Protein backbone atom coordinates (compact mmCIF):
# COMPACT_ATOMS: atom_id res chain seq x y z
CA MET A 1 -0.29 0.10 -0.16
CA VAL A 2 1.20 3.17 -0.85
CA ASP A 3 0.76 6.47 2.07
CA TYR A 4 0.48 9.63 1.06
CA VAL A 5 0.97 12.73 4.20
CA PRO A 6 1.39 15.61 3.11
CA ALA A 7 5.21 17.08 3.27
CA SER A 8 5.03 20.14 5.70
CA ARG A 9 7.46 22.58 3.52
CA SER A 10 7.44 26.00 2.33
CA ARG A 11 7.93 26.29 -1.58
CA ASP A 12 11.33 28.48 -2.52
CA ALA A 13 11.12 31.58 -1.84
CA GLY A 14 10.00 33.39 -5.96
CA THR A 15 7.82 30.06 -6.00
CA ASP A 16 4.04 30.67 -6.67
CA ALA A 17 2.00 28.54 -7.62
CA SER A 18 0.24 30.28 -10.40
CA SER A 19 3.74 31.20 -12.13
CA PRO A 20 2.60 30.23 -16.03
CA ASN A 21 5.52 27.98 -15.71
CA ASP A 22 4.18 25.65 -13.40
CA PRO A 23 3.10 22.48 -14.87
CA LEU A 24 0.32 22.23 -12.84
CA ASN A 25 -1.36 25.23 -13.32
CA ALA A 26 -0.42 25.23 -16.94
CA VAL A 27 -3.57 22.55 -17.61
CA THR A 28 -7.12 21.21 -16.31
CA LEU A 29 -7.56 19.94 -12.98
CA PRO A 30 -7.30 16.02 -13.50
CA ARG A 31 -10.16 14.10 -12.89
CA THR A 32 -10.91 10.96 -10.99
CA ASN A 33 -10.03 7.77 -13.11
CA PRO A 34 -13.79 5.96 -12.28
CA GLY A 35 -12.13 2.76 -12.57
CA VAL A 36 -10.90 3.86 -8.77
CA VAL A 37 -12.85 3.48 -5.75
CA PHE A 38 -12.50 5.52 -2.73
CA GLN A 39 -13.58 4.13 0.58
CA LYS A 40 -13.58 6.26 3.37
CA LEU A 41 -12.08 5.16 6.53
CA GLU A 42 -12.91 7.08 10.20
CA GLU A 43 -8.45 8.42 9.19
CA GLY A 44 -8.67 9.54 5.82
CA ALA A 45 -9.66 7.36 3.05
CA VAL A 46 -7.74 4.14 0.85
CA LEU A 47 -7.85 4.01 -3.26
CA PHE A 48 -7.09 1.01 -4.91
CA ALA A 49 -7.65 0.43 -8.62
CA PRO A 50 -8.48 -3.01 -9.65
CA ALA A 51 -6.90 -2.95 -12.96
CA THR A 52 -3.29 -2.65 -11.18
CA GLU A 53 -4.58 -3.84 -7.88
CA LEU A 54 -3.31 -0.74 -6.61
CA TYR A 55 -4.08 0.69 -2.72
CA PHE A 56 -3.34 4.51 -2.40
CA GLY A 57 -3.74 5.42 1.70
CA LEU A 58 -4.77 8.99 1.85
CA ASN A 59 -4.73 10.45 5.27
CA ASP A 60 -7.67 13.33 5.61
CA VAL A 61 -6.69 16.12 3.77
CA GLY A 62 -5.56 14.04 0.83
CA ALA A 63 -9.49 12.33 1.54
CA MET A 64 -10.30 15.85 1.50
CA ILE A 65 -8.87 16.64 -1.72
CA TRP A 66 -10.21 13.59 -3.56
CA GLU A 67 -13.72 14.50 -1.91
CA LEU A 68 -12.88 18.38 -3.89
CA LEU A 69 -12.36 17.32 -7.48
CA PRO A 70 -15.04 16.80 -8.83
CA ARG A 71 -16.91 20.01 -8.30
CA ALA A 72 -13.37 21.88 -8.37
CA ARG A 73 -12.86 24.06 -11.09
CA SER A 74 -9.47 25.34 -11.44
CA HIS A 75 -6.45 24.20 -8.97
CA ASP A 76 -7.04 27.48 -7.02
CA GLU A 77 -10.40 26.34 -6.03
CA VAL A 78 -8.77 23.69 -3.83
CA TYR A 79 -5.83 25.82 -2.38
CA THR A 80 -9.20 27.72 -1.65
CA THR A 81 -10.92 25.35 -0.20
CA LEU A 82 -8.22 24.17 1.94
CA HIS A 83 -7.12 27.09 3.38
CA THR A 84 -10.38 28.13 4.25
CA THR A 85 -10.64 24.98 5.74
CA PHE A 86 -7.12 25.12 7.30
CA PRO A 87 -6.59 28.81 8.10
CA ASP A 88 -3.46 28.63 10.02
CA VAL A 89 -1.22 26.92 6.97
CA ASP A 90 0.04 29.84 4.95
CA LEU A 91 -1.51 28.97 1.79
CA GLY A 92 2.40 28.74 0.05
CA VAL A 93 2.99 24.82 1.44
CA ILE A 94 -0.55 24.00 0.79
CA ARG A 95 -0.34 25.02 -3.42
CA ALA A 96 3.41 22.37 -2.56
CA ASP A 97 1.49 19.58 -0.67
CA VAL A 98 -1.88 19.69 -3.73
CA ASP A 99 0.80 19.75 -6.83
CA ASP A 100 2.88 17.14 -4.97
CA LEU A 101 -0.35 14.82 -4.67
CA LEU A 102 -2.02 14.86 -7.73
CA ALA A 103 0.70 14.73 -9.72
CA ARG A 104 1.94 11.16 -7.27
CA LEU A 105 -2.06 10.28 -7.99
CA LEU A 106 -1.63 11.00 -12.41
CA ALA A 107 2.14 8.83 -12.33
CA GLU A 108 0.09 6.29 -10.37
CA GLY A 109 -2.76 6.01 -12.15
CA LEU A 110 -5.45 7.33 -10.32
CA LEU A 111 -6.08 10.34 -11.71
CA VAL A 112 -7.09 11.20 -15.54
CA GLY A 113 -5.54 13.77 -16.92
CA PRO A 114 -4.39 16.81 -16.99
CA VAL A 115 -5.46 18.32 -20.87
CA SER A 116 -2.95 21.30 -21.03
CA SER A 117 -5.54 24.84 -21.77
CA GLY A 118 -2.88 25.09 -24.86
CA GLY A 119 -4.57 21.87 -26.40
CA ASP A 120 -0.81 20.01 -25.98
CA ASP A 121 -0.52 17.27 -23.80
CA ALA A 122 -0.03 16.79 -20.62
CA PRO A 123 3.61 17.45 -19.14
CA GLY A 124 5.91 13.97 -18.42
CA ARG A 125 1.95 11.92 -20.25
C-alpha cells in the first residue's frame, strides 16, 4: 500500500504556484479515474485500482482533496477551499502539498488527464 502524508514544507522564495511556468497550473485539473474505488475511513481514505491492484492510502487532507476534484473548477479553487478549512497553514505549503499529491496520483494512474489548456499533451504524459 502506498501512503500519502503531505510534506510540511514551504515553496522556494519567489516560486508561485500560479506561475505560468508551473506545469500543474498550466493544465486543467485532473479527474478522478472512474475505475478507482474510493473508500472513506475513520482517518483518511483508501484508493484501490482493480486494474493494477494498487492500494493507495490518503490521510484526512488527501481524502478531502480527492473529494474536491469532481466539483472544483481550478487548482486555485482547491487551494482556497483548503486554506479556508486550514487558515493557519501557509498557502504556499497548501499549494505545494496539493501539487505533490496530484502529481503522485497522476503517476499512479489514479487520476486521469489533465488536458493542457493549449491543447498539447499534459507534461510528463
